Amino acid sequence: MDKRDSPKEYDLDERTFQFASDVIQFVKLLPRTISNIEIVKQLVRSAGSVGANYIEASESLGKKDFILHVKICRKEAKECRYWLRLVEVSNKKDVVDTRDSLSKEVTELMKIFGSIIEKAK
């Protein structure tokens, strides 16, 4: 059972890690076109950066530092959503569905980070 399907709440460290892991698995399903090769590099970097910056926020030196890193998380999530929209998917329904699911998850993460920023101000 996917942890996101669990009724129990789980932490954002794990959620961002799972998102990056899911992106890595997703890109393995994509056609290897010239454009996808470059897009995939950006997609994987931005997906990993969401979680890495959240870890930095968790270990922040103060409120301003925390807010800065959460803003970077949100920025990287937005970038990741952009790359997901741009990537060429095959005509396979499961690949399209996976991309759509990842887009939904990253949008939710963006909203969570936005909410954290507003509450931290």
PDB file of N, CA and C in Angstrom:
ATOM      1  N   MET A   1       0.847  -1.189   0.000  1.00  0.00           N
ATOM      2  CA  MET A   1       0.000   0.000   0.000  1.00  0.00           C
ATOM      3  C   MET A   1       0.883   1.239   0.000  1.00  0.00           C
ATOM      4  N   ASP A   2       0.622   2.132  -0.916  1.00  0.00           N
ATOM      5  CA  ASP A   2       1.371   3.381  -1.011  1.00  0.00           C
ATOM      6  C   ASP A   2       1.124   4.209   0.242  1.00  0.00           C
ATOM      7  N   LYS A   3       2.185   4.781   0.769  1.00  0.00           N
ATOM      8  CA  LYS A   3       2.079   5.546   2.003  1.00  0.00           C
ATOM      9  C   LYS A   3       1.103   6.713   1.876  1.00  0.00           C
ATOM     10  N   ARG A   4       0.954   7.272   0.677  1.00  0.00           N
ATOM     11  CA  ARG A   4       0.017   8.381   0.475  1.00  0.00           C
ATOM     12  C   ARG A   4      -1.433   7.932   0.627  1.00  0.00           C
ATOM     13  N   ASP A   5      -1.688   6.629   0.470  1.00  0.00           N
ATOM     14  CA  ASP A   5      -3.044   6.112   0.603  1.00  0.00           C
ATOM     15  C   ASP A   5      -3.405   5.836   2.063  1.00  0.00           C
ATOM     16  N   SER A   6      -2.422   5.880   2.932  1.00  0.00           N
ATOM     17  CA  SER A   6      -2.644   5.597   4.338  1.00  0.00           C
ATOM     18  C   SER A   6      -3.409   6.732   5.004  1.00  0.00           C
ATOM     19  N   PRO A   7      -4.367   6.384   5.875  1.00  0.00           N
ATOM     20  CA  PRO A   7      -5.099   7.439   6.571  1.00  0.00           C
ATOM     21  C   PRO A   7      -4.234   8.150   7.611  1.00  0.00           C
ATOM     22  N   LYS A   8      -3.141   7.527   8.021  1.00  0.00           N
ATOM     23  CA  LYS A   8      -2.256   8.159   8.991  1.00  0.00           C
ATOM     24  C   LYS A   8      -1.487   9.305   8.347  1.00  0.00           C
ATOM     25  N   GLU A   9      -1.291  10.348   9.123  1.00  0.00           N
ATOM     26  CA  GLU A   9      -0.507  11.479   8.639  1.00  0.00           C
ATOM     27  C   GLU A   9       0.973  11.077   8.623  1.00  0.00           C
ATOM     28  N   TYR A  10       1.719  11.562   7.674  1.00  0.00           N
ATOM     29  CA  TYR A  10       3.145  11.288   7.659  1.00  0.00           C
ATOM     30  C   TYR A  10       3.884  12.575   7.398  1.00  0.00           C
ATOM     31  N   ASP A  11       5.173  12.550   7.678  1.00  0.00           N
ATOM     32  CA  ASP A  11       5.914  13.806   7.636  1.00  0.00           C
ATOM     33  C   ASP A  11       6.319  14.219   6.222  1.00  0.00           C
ATOM     34  N   LEU A  12       6.570  15.492   6.099  1.00  0.00           N
ATOM     35  CA  LEU A  12       6.897  16.081   4.797  1.00  0.00           C
ATOM     36  C   LEU A  12       8.273  15.628   4.305  1.00  0.00           C
ATOM     37  N   ASP A  13       9.188  15.309   5.224  1.00  0.00           N
ATOM     38  CA  ASP A  13      10.485  14.756   4.811  1.00  0.00           C
ATOM     39  C   ASP A  13      10.261  13.493   3.977  1.00  0.00           C
ATOM     40  N   GLU A  14       9.428  12.608   4.502  1.00  0.00           N
ATOM     41  CA  GLU A  14       9.164  11.340   3.818  1.00  0.00           C
ATOM     42  C   GLU A  14       8.378  11.571   2.528  1.00  0.00           C
ATOM     43  N   ARG A  15       7.430  12.476   2.559  1.00  0.00           N
ATOM     44  CA  ARG A  15       6.608  12.741   1.377  1.00  0.00           C
ATOM     45  C   ARG A  15       7.443  13.299   0.236  1.00  0.00           C
ATOM     46  N   THR A  16       8.345  14.222   0.530  1.00  0.00           N
ATOM     47  CA  THR A  16       9.188  14.785  -0.524  1.00  0.00           C
ATOM     48  C   THR A  16      10.195  13.760  -1.029  1.00  0.00           C
ATOM     49  N   PHE A  17      10.684  12.900  -0.114  1.00  0.00           N
ATOM     50  CA  PHE A  17      11.581  11.822  -0.526  1.00  0.00           C
ATOM     51  C   PHE A  17      10.854  10.860  -1.464  1.00  0.00           C
ATOM     52  N   GLN A  18       9.632  10.494  -1.083  1.00  0.00           N
ATOM     53  CA  GLN A  18       8.844   9.567  -1.904  1.00  0.00           C
ATOM     54  C   GLN A  18       8.546  10.176  -3.278  1.00  0.00           C
ATOM     55  N   PHE A  19       8.257  11.469  -3.295  1.00  0.00           N
ATOM     56  CA  PHE A  19       7.995  12.137  -4.566  1.00  0.00           C
ATOM     57  C   PHE A  19       9.218  12.044  -5.482  1.00  0.00           C
ATOM     58  N   ALA A  20      10.394  12.372  -4.953  1.00  0.00           N
ATOM     59  CA  ALA A  20      11.615  12.304  -5.764  1.00  0.00           C
ATOM     60  C   ALA A  20      11.859  10.870  -6.244  1.00  0.00           C
ATOM     61  N   SER A  21      11.636   9.897  -5.372  1.00  0.00           N
ATOM     62  CA  SER A  21      11.806   8.485  -5.757  1.00  0.00           C
ATOM     63  C   SER A  21      10.831   8.101  -6.863  1.00  0.00           C
ATOM     64  N   ASP A  22       9.596   8.569  -6.737  1.00  0.00           N
ATOM     65  CA  ASP A  22       8.586   8.280  -7.761  1.00  0.00           C
ATOM     66  C   ASP A  22       8.952   8.903  -9.105  1.00  0.00           C
ATOM     67  N   VAL A  23       9.508  10.104  -9.075  1.00  0.00           N
ATOM     68  CA  VAL A  23       9.955  10.755 -10.315  1.00  0.00           C
ATOM     69  C   VAL A  23      11.068   9.939 -10.961  1.00  0.00           C
ATOM     70  N   ILE A  24      11.997   9.467 -10.156  1.00  0.00           N
ATOM     71  CA  ILE A  24      13.105   8.665 -10.695  1.00  0.00           C
ATOM     72  C   ILE A  24      12.571   7.398 -11.362  1.00  0.00           C
ATOM     73  N   GLN A  25      11.586   6.755 -10.749  1.00  0.00           N
ATOM     74  CA  GLN A  25      10.990   5.558 -11.355  1.00  0.00           C
ATOM     75  C   GLN A  25      10.224   5.913 -12.632  1.00  0.00           C
ATOM     76  N   PHE A  26       9.535   7.055 -12.616  1.00  0.00           N
ATOM     77  CA  PHE A  26       8.766   7.509 -13.774  1.00  0.00           C
ATOM     78  C   PHE A  26       9.659   7.740 -14.995  1.00  0.00           C
ATOM     79  N   VAL A  27      10.787   8.402 -14.813  1.00  0.00           N
ATOM     80  CA  VAL A  27      11.618   8.740 -15.975  1.00  0.00           C
ATOM     81  C   VAL A  27      12.178   7.495 -16.651  1.00  0.00           C
ATOM     82  N   LYS A  28      12.232   6.395 -15.938  1.00  0.00           N
ATOM     83  CA  LYS A  28      12.690   5.140 -16.534  1.00  0.00           C
ATOM     84  C   LYS A  28      11.693   4.604 -17.562  1.00  0.00           C
ATOM     85  N   LEU A  29      10.447   5.092 -17.491  1.00  0.00           N
ATOM     86  CA  LEU A  29       9.398   4.639 -18.407  1.00  0.00           C
ATOM     87  C   LEU A  29       9.310   5.479 -19.681  1.00  0.00           C
ATOM     88  N   LEU A  30      10.015   6.595 -19.711  1.00  0.00           N
ATOM     89  CA  LEU A  30       9.867   7.554 -20.804  1.00  0.00           C
ATOM     90  C   LEU A  30      10.669   7.159 -22.041  1.00  0.00           C
ATOM     91  N   PRO A  31      10.175   7.555 -23.202  1.00  0.00           N
ATOM     92  CA  PRO A  31      10.948   7.319 -24.432  1.00  0.00           C
ATOM     93  C   PRO A  31      12.238   8.142 -24.402  1.00  0.00           C
ATOM     94  N   ARG A  32      13.280   7.577 -24.920  1.00  0.00           N
ATOM     95  CA  ARG A  32      14.588   8.231 -24.903  1.00  0.00           C
ATOM     96  C   ARG A  32      14.772   9.081 -26.161  1.00  0.00           C
ATOM     97  N   THR A  33      14.143  10.234 -26.154  1.00  0.00           N
ATOM     98  CA  THR A  33      14.300  11.162 -27.271  1.00  0.00           C
ATOM     99  C   THR A  33      15.340  12.204 -26.880  1.00  0.00           C
ATOM    100  N   ILE A  34      15.815  12.932 -27.860  1.00  0.00           N
ATOM    101  CA  ILE A  34      16.821  13.969 -27.590  1.00  0.00           C
ATOM    102  C   ILE A  34      16.280  15.001 -26.603  1.00  0.00           C
ATOM    103  N   SER A  35      15.057  15.439 -26.807  1.00  0.00           N
ATOM    104  CA  SER A  35      14.497  16.445 -25.897  1.00  0.00           C
ATOM    105  C   SER A  35      14.248  15.857 -24.513  1.00  0.00           C
ATOM    106  N   ASN A  36      13.765  14.644 -24.437  1.00  0.00           N
ATOM    107  CA  ASN A  36      13.514  14.039 -23.130  1.00  0.00           C
ATOM    108  C   ASN A  36      14.786  13.868 -22.309  1.00  0.00           C
ATOM    109  N   ILE A  37      15.879  13.570 -22.962  1.00  0.00           N
ATOM    110  CA  ILE A  37      17.139  13.396 -22.234  1.00  0.00           C
ATOM    111  C   ILE A  37      17.461  14.655 -21.435  1.00  0.00           C
ATOM    112  N   GLU A  38      17.312  15.803 -22.046  1.00  0.00           N
ATOM    113  CA  GLU A  38      17.595  17.064 -21.357  1.00  0.00           C
ATOM    114  C   GLU A  38      16.511  17.402 -20.336  1.00  0.00           C
ATOM    115  N   ILE A  39      15.262  17.173 -20.687  1.00  0.00           N
ATOM    116  CA  ILE A  39      14.155  17.475 -19.777  1.00  0.00           C
ATOM    117  C   ILE A  39      14.233  16.594 -18.533  1.00  0.00           C
ATOM    118  N   VAL A  40      14.543  15.325 -18.723  1.00  0.00           N
ATOM    119  CA  VAL A  40      14.626  14.390 -17.604  1.00  0.00           C
ATOM    120  C   VAL A  40      15.699  14.827 -16.605  1.00  0.00           C
ATOM    121  N   LYS A  41      16.817  15.313 -17.102  1.00  0.00           N
ATOM    122  CA  LYS A  41      17.866  15.802 -16.193  1.00  0.00           C
ATOM    123  C   LYS A  41      17.320  16.901 -15.290  1.00  0.00           C
ATOM    124  N   GLN A  42      16.607  17.843 -15.884  1.00  0.00           N
ATOM    125  CA  GLN A  42      16.037  18.951 -15.115  1.00  0.00           C
ATOM    126  C   GLN A  42      14.947  18.465 -14.166  1.00  0.00           C
ATOM    127  N   LEU A  43      14.129  17.548 -14.634  1.00  0.00           N
ATOM    128  CA  LEU A  43      13.038  17.007 -13.829  1.00  0.00           C
ATOM    129  C   LEU A  43      13.569  16.309 -12.582  1.00  0.00           C
ATOM    130  N   VAL A  44      14.556  15.456 -12.754  1.00  0.00           N
ATOM    131  CA  VAL A  44      15.124  14.718 -11.620  1.00  0.00           C
ATOM    132  C   VAL A  44      15.803  15.681 -10.647  1.00  0.00           C
ATOM    133  N   ARG A  45      16.524  16.658 -11.168  1.00  0.00           N
ATOM    134  CA  ARG A  45      17.187  17.644 -10.289  1.00  0.00           C
ATOM    135  C   ARG A  45      16.172  18.426  -9.467  1.00  0.00           C
ATOM    136  N   SER A  46      15.139  18.924 -10.110  1.00  0.00           N
ATOM    137  CA  SER A  46      14.163  19.746  -9.381  1.00  0.00           C
ATOM    138  C   SER A  46      13.367  18.898  -8.389  1.00  0.00           C
ATOM    139  N   ALA A  47      13.036  17.662  -8.748  1.00  0.00           N
ATOM    140  CA  ALA A  47      12.299  16.785  -7.832  1.00  0.00           C
ATOM    141  C   ALA A  47      13.121  16.482  -6.581  1.00  0.00           C
ATOM    142  N   GLY A  48      14.392  16.213  -6.762  1.00  0.00           N
ATOM    143  CA  GLY A  48      15.271  15.958  -5.623  1.00  0.00           C
ATOM    144  C   GLY A  48      15.514  17.201  -4.793  1.00  0.00           C
ATOM    145  N   SER A  49      15.541  18.330  -5.442  1.00  0.00           N
ATOM    146  CA  SER A  49      15.800  19.594  -4.757  1.00  0.00           C
ATOM    147  C   SER A  49      14.660  19.991  -3.834  1.00  0.00           C
ATOM    148  N   VAL A  50      13.446  19.587  -4.148  1.00  0.00           N
ATOM    149  CA  VAL A  50      12.303  19.884  -3.277  1.00  0.00           C
ATOM    150  C   VAL A  50      12.577  19.323  -1.886  1.00  0.00           C
ATOM    151  N   GLY A  51      12.891  18.052  -1.810  1.00  0.00           N
ATOM    152  CA  GLY A  51      13.154  17.408  -0.525  1.00  0.00           C
ATOM    153  C   GLY A  51      14.429  17.877   0.133  1.00  0.00           C
ATOM    154  N   ALA A  52      15.467  18.078  -0.663  1.00  0.00           N
ATOM    155  CA  ALA A  52      16.741  18.531  -0.097  1.00  0.00           C
ATOM    156  C   ALA A  52      16.587  19.899   0.566  1.00  0.00           C
ATOM    157  N   ASN A  53      15.835  20.776  -0.063  1.00  0.00           N
ATOM    158  CA  ASN A  53      15.631  22.097   0.528  1.00  0.00           C
ATOM    159  C   ASN A  53      14.692  22.042   1.726  1.00  0.00           C
ATOM    160  N   TYR A  54      13.784  21.084   1.744  1.00  0.00           N
ATOM    161  CA  TYR A  54      12.941  20.941   2.931  1.00  0.00           C
ATOM    162  C   TYR A  54      13.778  20.475   4.126  1.00  0.00           C
ATOM    163  N   ILE A  55      14.729  19.600   3.887  1.00  0.00           N
ATOM    164  CA  ILE A  55      15.655  19.188   4.948  1.00  0.00           C
ATOM    165  C   ILE A  55      16.432  20.400   5.451  1.00  0.00           C
ATOM    166  N   GLU A  56      16.900  21.224   4.520  1.00  0.00           N
ATOM    167  CA  GLU A  56      17.605  22.458   4.908  1.00  0.00           C
ATOM    168  C   GLU A  56      16.700  23.356   5.741  1.00  0.00           C
ATOM    169  N   ALA A  57      15.432  23.468   5.367  1.00  0.00           N
ATOM    170  CA  ALA A  57      14.484  24.293   6.120  1.00  0.00           C
ATOM    171  C   ALA A  57      14.308  23.732   7.527  1.00  0.00           C
ATOM    172  N   SER A  58      14.225  22.412   7.633  1.00  0.00           N
ATOM    173  CA  SER A  58      14.054  21.777   8.936  1.00  0.00           C
ATOM    174  C   SER A  58      15.241  22.031   9.860  1.00  0.00           C
ATOM    175  N   GLU A  59      16.397  22.241   9.271  1.00  0.00           N
ATOM    176  CA  GLU A  59      17.621  22.481  10.038  1.00  0.00           C
ATOM    177  C   GLU A  59      18.018  23.955  10.011  1.00  0.00           C
ATOM    178  N   SER A  60      17.060  24.819   9.753  1.00  0.00           N
ATOM    179  CA  SER A  60      17.355  26.242   9.568  1.00  0.00           C
ATOM    180  C   SER A  60      17.917  26.892  10.825  1.00  0.00           C
ATOM    181  N   LEU A  61      18.587  28.001  10.618  1.00  0.00           N
ATOM    182  CA  LEU A  61      19.227  28.741  11.698  1.00  0.00           C
ATOM    183  C   LEU A  61      18.316  29.789  12.307  1.00  0.00           C
ATOM    184  N   GLY A  62      17.163  29.971  11.733  1.00  0.00           N
ATOM    185  CA  GLY A  62      16.226  30.962  12.243  1.00  0.00           C
ATOM    186  C   GLY A  62      15.028  31.051  11.327  1.00  0.00           C
ATOM    187  N   LYS A  63      14.102  31.915  11.702  1.00  0.00           N
ATOM    188  CA  LYS A  63      12.849  32.050  10.962  1.00  0.00           C
ATOM    189  C   LYS A  63      13.067  32.495   9.517  1.00  0.00           C
ATOM    190  N   LYS A  64      13.941  33.484   9.296  1.00  0.00           N
ATOM    191  CA  LYS A  64      14.190  33.971   7.933  1.00  0.00           C
ATOM    192  C   LYS A  64      14.805  32.875   7.068  1.00  0.00           C
ATOM    193  N   ASP A  65      15.732  32.131   7.656  1.00  0.00           N
ATOM    194  CA  ASP A  65      16.375  31.033   6.940  1.00  0.00           C
ATOM    195  C   ASP A  65      15.348  29.948   6.603  1.00  0.00           C
ATOM    196  N   PHE A  66      14.473  29.636   7.559  1.00  0.00           N
ATOM    197  CA  PHE A  66      13.421  28.644   7.346  1.00  0.00           C
ATOM    198  C   PHE A  66      12.519  29.064   6.183  1.00  0.00           C
ATOM    199  N   ILE A  67      12.039  30.301   6.230  1.00  0.00           N
ATOM    200  CA  ILE A  67      11.136  30.790   5.184  1.00  0.00           C
ATOM    201  C   ILE A  67      11.829  30.766   3.821  1.00  0.00           C
ATOM    202  N   LEU A  68      13.101  31.180   3.787  1.00  0.00           N
ATOM    203  CA  LEU A  68      13.853  31.170   2.528  1.00  0.00           C
ATOM    204  C   LEU A  68      13.895  29.765   1.926  1.00  0.00           C
ATOM    205  N   HIS A  69      14.216  28.759   2.744  1.00  0.00           N
ATOM    206  CA  HIS A  69      14.323  27.398   2.213  1.00  0.00           C
ATOM    207  C   HIS A  69      12.972  26.827   1.804  1.00  0.00           C
ATOM    208  N   VAL A  70      11.918  27.173   2.531  1.00  0.00           N
ATOM    209  CA  VAL A  70      10.593  26.698   2.127  1.00  0.00           C
ATOM    210  C   VAL A  70      10.175  27.373   0.822  1.00  0.00           C
ATOM    211  N   LYS A  71      10.541  28.639   0.638  1.00  0.00           N
ATOM    212  CA  LYS A  71      10.265  29.309  -0.639  1.00  0.00           C
ATOM    213  C   LYS A  71      11.007  28.621  -1.778  1.00  0.00           C
ATOM    214  N   ILE A  72      12.221  28.193  -1.506  1.00  0.00           N
ATOM    215  CA  ILE A  72      12.988  27.467  -2.530  1.00  0.00           C
ATOM    216  C   ILE A  72      12.310  26.133  -2.830  1.00  0.00           C
ATOM    217  N   CYS A  73      11.788  25.468  -1.796  1.00  0.00           N
ATOM    218  CA  CYS A  73      11.036  24.212  -2.008  1.00  0.00           C
ATOM    219  C   CYS A  73       9.881  24.456  -2.963  1.00  0.00           C
ATOM    220  N   ARG A  74       9.135  25.523  -2.691  1.00  0.00           N
ATOM    221  CA  ARG A  74       7.976  25.834  -3.541  1.00  0.00           C
ATOM    222  C   ARG A  74       8.426  26.160  -4.965  1.00  0.00           C
ATOM    223  N   LYS A  75       9.507  26.909  -5.094  1.00  0.00           N
ATOM    224  CA  LYS A  75      10.035  27.266  -6.415  1.00  0.00           C
ATOM    225  C   LYS A  75      10.468  26.012  -7.182  1.00  0.00           C
ATOM    226  N   GLU A  76      11.157  25.108  -6.521  1.00  0.00           N
ATOM    227  CA  GLU A  76      11.598  23.869  -7.168  1.00  0.00           C
ATOM    228  C   GLU A  76      10.406  22.990  -7.540  1.00  0.00           C
ATOM    229  N   ALA A  77       9.376  22.990  -6.699  1.00  0.00           N
ATOM    230  CA  ALA A  77       8.170  22.224  -7.012  1.00  0.00           C
ATOM    231  C   ALA A  77       7.493  22.785  -8.258  1.00  0.00           C
ATOM    232  N   LYS A  78       7.441  24.117  -8.364  1.00  0.00           N
ATOM    233  CA  LYS A  78       6.860  24.743  -9.562  1.00  0.00           C
ATOM    234  C   LYS A  78       7.662  24.367 -10.801  1.00  0.00           C
ATOM    235  N   GLU A  79       8.982  24.383 -10.661  1.00  0.00           N
ATOM    236  CA  GLU A  79       9.831  24.009 -11.789  1.00  0.00           C
ATOM    237  C   GLU A  79       9.602  22.551 -12.173  1.00  0.00           C
ATOM    238  N   CYS A  80       9.483  21.708 -11.185  1.00  0.00           N
ATOM    239  CA  CYS A  80       9.250  20.291 -11.432  1.00  0.00           C
ATOM    240  C   CYS A  80       7.932  20.088 -12.181  1.00  0.00           C
ATOM    241  N   ARG A  81       6.901  20.809 -11.777  1.00  0.00           N
ATOM    242  CA  ARG A  81       5.605  20.706 -12.460  1.00  0.00           C
ATOM    243  C   ARG A  81       5.746  21.131 -13.927  1.00  0.00           C
ATOM    244  N   TYR A  82       6.545  22.157 -14.171  1.00  0.00           N
ATOM    245  CA  TYR A  82       6.797  22.621 -15.544  1.00  0.00           C
ATOM    246  C   TYR A  82       7.435  21.503 -16.372  1.00  0.00           C
ATOM    247  N   TRP A  83       8.479  20.874 -15.831  1.00  0.00           N
ATOM    248  CA  TRP A  83       9.163  19.812 -16.574  1.00  0.00           C
ATOM    249  C   TRP A  83       8.240  18.621 -16.798  1.00  0.00           C
ATOM    250  N   LEU A  84       7.384  18.320 -15.829  1.00  0.00           N
ATOM    251  CA  LEU A  84       6.424  17.233 -16.023  1.00  0.00           C
ATOM    252  C   LEU A  84       5.465  17.535 -17.170  1.00  0.00           C
ATOM    253  N   ARG A  85       5.076  18.785 -17.306  1.00  0.00           N
ATOM    254  CA  ARG A  85       4.195  19.171 -18.412  1.00  0.00           C
ATOM    255  C   ARG A  85       4.918  19.070 -19.750  1.00  0.00           C
ATOM    256  N   LEU A  86       6.200  19.337 -19.746  1.00  0.00           N
ATOM    257  CA  LEU A  86       6.966  19.422 -20.979  1.00  0.00           C
ATOM    258  C   LEU A  86       7.459  18.065 -21.494  1.00  0.00           C
ATOM    259  N   VAL A  87       7.659  17.121 -20.609  1.00  0.00           N
ATOM    260  CA  VAL A  87       8.247  15.843 -20.984  1.00  0.00           C
ATOM    261  C   VAL A  87       7.346  15.102 -21.981  1.00  0.00           C
ATOM    262  N   GLU A  88       7.987  14.434 -22.919  1.00  0.00           N
ATOM    263  CA  GLU A  88       7.258  13.641 -23.907  1.00  0.00           C
ATOM    264  C   GLU A  88       6.955  12.276 -23.304  1.00  0.00           C
ATOM    265  N   VAL A  89       5.677  11.964 -23.205  1.00  0.00           N
ATOM    266  CA  VAL A  89       5.294  10.641 -22.706  1.00  0.00           C
ATOM    267  C   VAL A  89       4.888   9.789 -23.894  1.00  0.00           C
ATOM    268  N   SER A  90       4.990   8.518 -23.716  1.00  0.00           N
ATOM    269  CA  SER A  90       4.546   7.612 -24.773  1.00  0.00           C
ATOM    270  C   SER A  90       3.017   7.609 -24.787  1.00  0.00           C
ATOM    271  N   ASN A  91       2.458   6.867 -25.679  1.00  0.00           N
ATOM    272  CA  ASN A  91       0.998   6.761 -25.755  1.00  0.00           C
ATOM    273  C   ASN A  91       0.444   5.753 -24.760  1.00  0.00           C
ATOM    274  N   LYS A  92       1.306   5.217 -23.904  1.00  0.00           N
ATOM    275  CA  LYS A  92       0.861   4.230 -22.924  1.00  0.00           C
ATOM    276  C   LYS A  92       0.077   4.926 -21.819  1.00  0.00           C
ATOM    277  N   LYS A  93      -1.112   4.435 -21.555  1.00  0.00           N
ATOM    278  CA  LYS A  93      -1.992   5.042 -20.561  1.00  0.00           C
ATOM    279  C   LYS A  93      -1.349   5.078 -19.176  1.00  0.00           C
ATOM    280  N   ASP A  94      -0.646   4.008 -18.795  1.00  0.00           N
ATOM    281  CA  ASP A  94      -0.051   3.974 -17.464  1.00  0.00           C
ATOM    282  C   ASP A  94       1.033   5.044 -17.292  1.00  0.00           C
ATOM    283  N   VAL A  95       1.760   5.348 -18.349  1.00  0.00           N
ATOM    284  CA  VAL A  95       2.791   6.387 -18.276  1.00  0.00           C
ATOM    285  C   VAL A  95       2.135   7.764 -18.151  1.00  0.00           C
ATOM    286  N   VAL A  96       1.093   7.989 -18.938  1.00  0.00           N
ATOM    287  CA  VAL A  96       0.352   9.253 -18.857  1.00  0.00           C
ATOM    288  C   VAL A  96      -0.277   9.400 -17.469  1.00  0.00           C
ATOM    289  N   ASP A  97      -0.868   8.336 -16.966  1.00  0.00           N
ATOM    290  CA  ASP A  97      -1.481   8.370 -15.633  1.00  0.00           C
ATOM    291  C   ASP A  97      -0.451   8.656 -14.540  1.00  0.00           C
ATOM    292  N   THR A  98       0.739   8.079 -14.683  1.00  0.00           N
ATOM    293  CA  THR A  98       1.804   8.324 -13.703  1.00  0.00           C
ATOM    294  C   THR A  98       2.229   9.781 -13.739  1.00  0.00           C
ATOM    295  N   ARG A  99       2.393  10.323 -14.936  1.00  0.00           N
ATOM    296  CA  ARG A  99       2.740  11.745 -15.042  1.00  0.00           C
ATOM    297  C   ARG A  99       1.674  12.619 -14.406  1.00  0.00           C
ATOM    298  N   ASP A 100       0.421  12.317 -14.668  1.00  0.00           N
ATOM    299  CA  ASP A 100      -0.675  13.100 -14.107  1.00  0.00           C
ATOM    300  C   ASP A 100      -0.703  13.003 -12.584  1.00  0.00           C
ATOM    301  N   SER A 101      -0.441  11.820 -12.070  1.00  0.00           N
ATOM    302  CA  SER A 101      -0.394  11.620 -10.620  1.00  0.00           C
ATOM    303  C   SER A 101       0.755  12.415  -9.990  1.00  0.00           C
ATOM    304  N   LEU A 102       1.908  12.401 -10.644  1.00  0.00           N
ATOM    305  CA  LEU A 102       3.057  13.179 -10.145  1.00  0.00           C
ATOM    306  C   LEU A 102       2.771  14.676 -10.208  1.00  0.00           C
ATOM    307  N   SER A 103       2.100  15.111 -11.254  1.00  0.00           N
ATOM    308  CA  SER A 103       1.729  16.526 -11.370  1.00  0.00           C
ATOM    309  C   SER A 103       0.786  16.929 -10.247  1.00  0.00           C
ATOM    310  N   LYS A 104      -0.141  16.055  -9.941  1.00  0.00           N
ATOM    311  CA  LYS A 104      -1.074  16.328  -8.840  1.00  0.00           C
ATOM    312  C   LYS A 104      -0.321  16.416  -7.510  1.00  0.00           C
ATOM    313  N   GLU A 105       0.573  15.482  -7.277  1.00  0.00           N
ATOM    314  CA  GLU A 105       1.329  15.471  -6.028  1.00  0.00           C
ATOM    315  C   GLU A 105       2.200  16.717  -5.883  1.00  0.00           C
ATOM    316  N   VAL A 106       2.881  17.115  -6.952  1.00  0.00           N
ATOM    317  CA  VAL A 106       3.753  18.281  -6.850  1.00  0.00           C
ATOM    318  C   VAL A 106       2.926  19.554  -6.670  1.00  0.00           C
ATOM    319  N   THR A 107       1.741  19.588  -7.229  1.00  0.00           N
ATOM    320  CA  THR A 107       0.851  20.732  -7.013  1.00  0.00           C
ATOM    321  C   THR A 107       0.423  20.791  -5.547  1.00  0.00           C
ATOM    322  N   GLU A 108       0.118  19.638  -4.971  1.00  0.00           N
ATOM    323  CA  GLU A 108      -0.222  19.600  -3.552  1.00  0.00           C
ATOM    324  C   GLU A 108       0.954  20.053  -2.687  1.00  0.00           C
ATOM    325  N   LEU A 109       2.145  19.618  -3.040  1.00  0.00           N
ATOM    326  CA  LEU A 109       3.339  20.050  -2.304  1.00  0.00           C
ATOM    327  C   LEU A 109       3.513  21.569  -2.391  1.00  0.00           C
ATOM    328  N   MET A 110       3.291  22.130  -3.569  1.00  0.00           N
ATOM    329  CA  MET A 110       3.390  23.585  -3.730  1.00  0.00           C
ATOM    330  C   MET A 110       2.412  24.288  -2.790  1.00  0.00           C
ATOM    331  N   LYS A 111       1.200  23.784  -2.706  1.00  0.00           N
ATOM    332  CA  LYS A 111       0.191  24.379  -1.831  1.00  0.00           C
ATOM    333  C   LYS A 111       0.592  24.253  -0.364  1.00  0.00           C
ATOM    334  N   ILE A 112       1.142  23.110   0.006  1.00  0.00           N
ATOM    335  CA  ILE A 112       1.600  22.911   1.381  1.00  0.00           C
ATOM    336  C   ILE A 112       2.706  23.903   1.716  1.00  0.00           C
ATOM    337  N   PHE A 113       3.682  24.042   0.811  1.00  0.00           N
ATOM    338  CA  PHE A 113       4.774  24.983   1.061  1.00  0.00           C
ATOM    339  C   PHE A 113       4.262  26.417   1.127  1.00  0.00           C
ATOM    340  N   GLY A 114       3.311  26.747   0.268  1.00  0.00           N
ATOM    341  CA  GLY A 114       2.720  28.083   0.305  1.00  0.00           C
ATOM    342  C   GLY A 114       2.043  28.350   1.637  1.00  0.00           C
ATOM    343  N   SER A 115       1.339  27.353   2.144  1.00  0.00           N
ATOM    344  CA  SER A 115       0.670  27.478   3.432  1.00  0.00           C
ATOM    345  C   SER A 115       1.680  27.625   4.568  1.00  0.00           C
ATOM    346  N   ILE A 116       2.744  26.864   4.517  1.00  0.00           N
ATOM    347  CA  ILE A 116       3.795  26.967   5.535  1.00  0.00           C
ATOM    348  C   ILE A 116       4.403  28.363   5.539  1.00  0.00           C
ATOM    349  N   ILE A 117       4.647  28.902   4.350  1.00  0.00           N
ATOM    350  CA  ILE A 117       5.221  30.258   4.241  1.00  0.00           C
ATOM    351  C   ILE A 117       4.281  31.279   4.866  1.00  0.00           C
ATOM    352  N   GLU A 118       3.007  31.191   4.553  1.00  0.00           N
ATOM    353  CA  GLU A 118       2.031  32.150   5.089  1.00  0.00           C
ATOM    354  C   GLU A 118       1.938  32.060   6.608  1.00  0.00           C
ATOM    355  N   LYS A 119       1.939  30.857   7.126  1.00  0.00           N
ATOM    356  CA  LYS A 119       1.845  30.669   8.582  1.00  0.00           C
ATOM    357  C   LYS A 119       3.111  31.089   9.301  1.00  0.00           C
ATOM    358  N   ALA A 120       4.251  30.994   8.627  1.00  0.00           N
ATOM    359  CA  ALA A 120       5.527  31.334   9.258  1.00  0.00           C
ATOM    360  C   ALA A 120       5.783  32.838   9.302  1.00  0.00           C
ATOM    361  N   LYS A 121       5.059  33.596   8.487  1.00  0.00           N
ATOM    362  CA  LYS A 121       5.290  35.046   8.443  1.00  0.00           C
ATOM    363  C   LYS A 121       4.800  35.737   9.687  1.00  0.00           C
TER     364      LYS A 121
END
